[in-house]
Amino acid sequence: MNKSMLKTIVLGGTALTLTFALLTYPKEALEASGRGLNTWWRVVFPPLLPLFILSKLFIGFGVVPFIGIH
């Protein structure tokens, strides 16, 4: 058995195991998803929002290509 085939089997087995876990425990999966989204919304998104806005402004005003050329 070559390395590529073994990798495919391991990744496929992992995907099947995770799918089985989601189907077996849907309530826990939904609660964990909600907690993850809540964490993203309260912890990750607020600090990144100014960065997203500034990067769009820099791209829109041509600052990024200007810095890249010079």
Protein backbone atom coordinates (compact mmCIF):
# COMPACT_ATOMS: atom_id res chain seq x y z
CA MET A 1 0.00 0.00 0.00
CA ASN A 2 1.49 3.32 -1.02
CA LYS A 3 1.53 6.53 1.00
CA SER A 4 -1.17 8.28 -1.07
CA MET A 5 -3.62 5.41 -0.65
CA LEU A 6 -3.00 5.26 3.10
CA LYS A 7 -3.59 9.01 3.38
CA THR A 8 -6.88 8.67 1.46
CA ILE A 9 -8.04 5.84 3.71
CA VAL A 10 -7.15 7.75 6.90
CA LEU A 11 -8.87 10.96 5.74
CA GLY A 12 -11.93 9.02 4.57
CA GLY A 13 -12.13 7.16 7.88
CA THR A 14 -11.84 10.42 9.79
CA ALA A 15 -14.61 12.00 7.71
CA LEU A 16 -16.86 8.97 8.26
CA THR A 17 -16.18 9.01 12.01
CA LEU A 18 -17.01 12.72 12.28
CA THR A 19 -20.17 12.26 10.20
CA PHE A 20 -21.25 9.36 12.40
CA ALA A 21 -20.60 11.45 15.53
CA LEU A 22 -22.72 14.33 14.17
CA LEU A 23 -25.57 11.96 13.33
CA THR A 24 -25.33 10.20 16.68
CA TYR A 25 -25.18 13.35 18.82
CA PRO A 26 -27.03 16.09 16.91
CA LYS A 27 -28.05 18.08 20.01
CA GLU A 28 -24.48 18.34 21.29
CA ALA A 29 -23.21 19.22 17.81
CA LEU A 30 -25.77 22.01 17.47
CA GLU A 31 -24.93 23.41 20.91
CA ALA A 32 -21.18 23.31 20.16
CA SER A 33 -21.76 25.04 16.82
CA GLY A 34 -23.75 27.76 18.52
CA ARG A 35 -21.05 28.29 21.13
CA GLY A 36 -18.41 28.46 18.40
CA LEU A 37 -20.36 31.07 16.43
CA ASN A 38 -21.04 33.06 19.60
CA THR A 39 -17.34 33.02 20.45
CA TRP A 40 -16.45 34.13 16.93
CA TRP A 41 -19.01 36.94 17.04
CA ARG A 42 -17.93 38.23 20.48
CA VAL A 43 -14.15 37.55 20.50
CA VAL A 44 -12.79 37.23 16.97
CA PHE A 45 -14.91 39.53 14.83
CA PRO A 46 -14.68 42.85 16.78
CA PRO A 47 -10.88 43.13 16.66
CA LEU A 48 -10.79 42.15 12.99
CA LEU A 49 -13.53 44.52 11.82
CA PRO A 50 -11.29 47.64 11.70
CA LEU A 51 -8.66 45.65 9.83
CA PHE A 52 -11.23 44.51 7.24
CA ILE A 53 -12.50 48.07 6.77
CA LEU A 54 -9.02 49.59 6.49
CA SER A 55 -7.83 46.94 4.07
CA LYS A 56 -10.84 47.54 1.81
CA LEU A 57 -10.21 51.29 1.92
CA PHE A 58 -6.51 50.84 1.13
CA ILE A 59 -7.34 48.59 -1.82
CA GLY A 60 -10.07 50.95 -3.03
CA PHE A 61 -7.86 54.04 -2.89
CA GLY A 62 -4.97 52.26 -4.62
CA VAL A 63 -2.60 52.32 -1.66
CA VAL A 64 -1.82 48.60 -1.92
CA PRO A 65 -0.69 48.65 -5.57
CA PHE A 66 1.27 51.86 -4.91
CA ILE A 67 3.17 50.24 -2.03
CA GLY A 68 3.70 47.11 -4.10
CA ILE A 69 5.25 49.02 -6.99
CA HIS A 70 7.53 51.26 -4.96
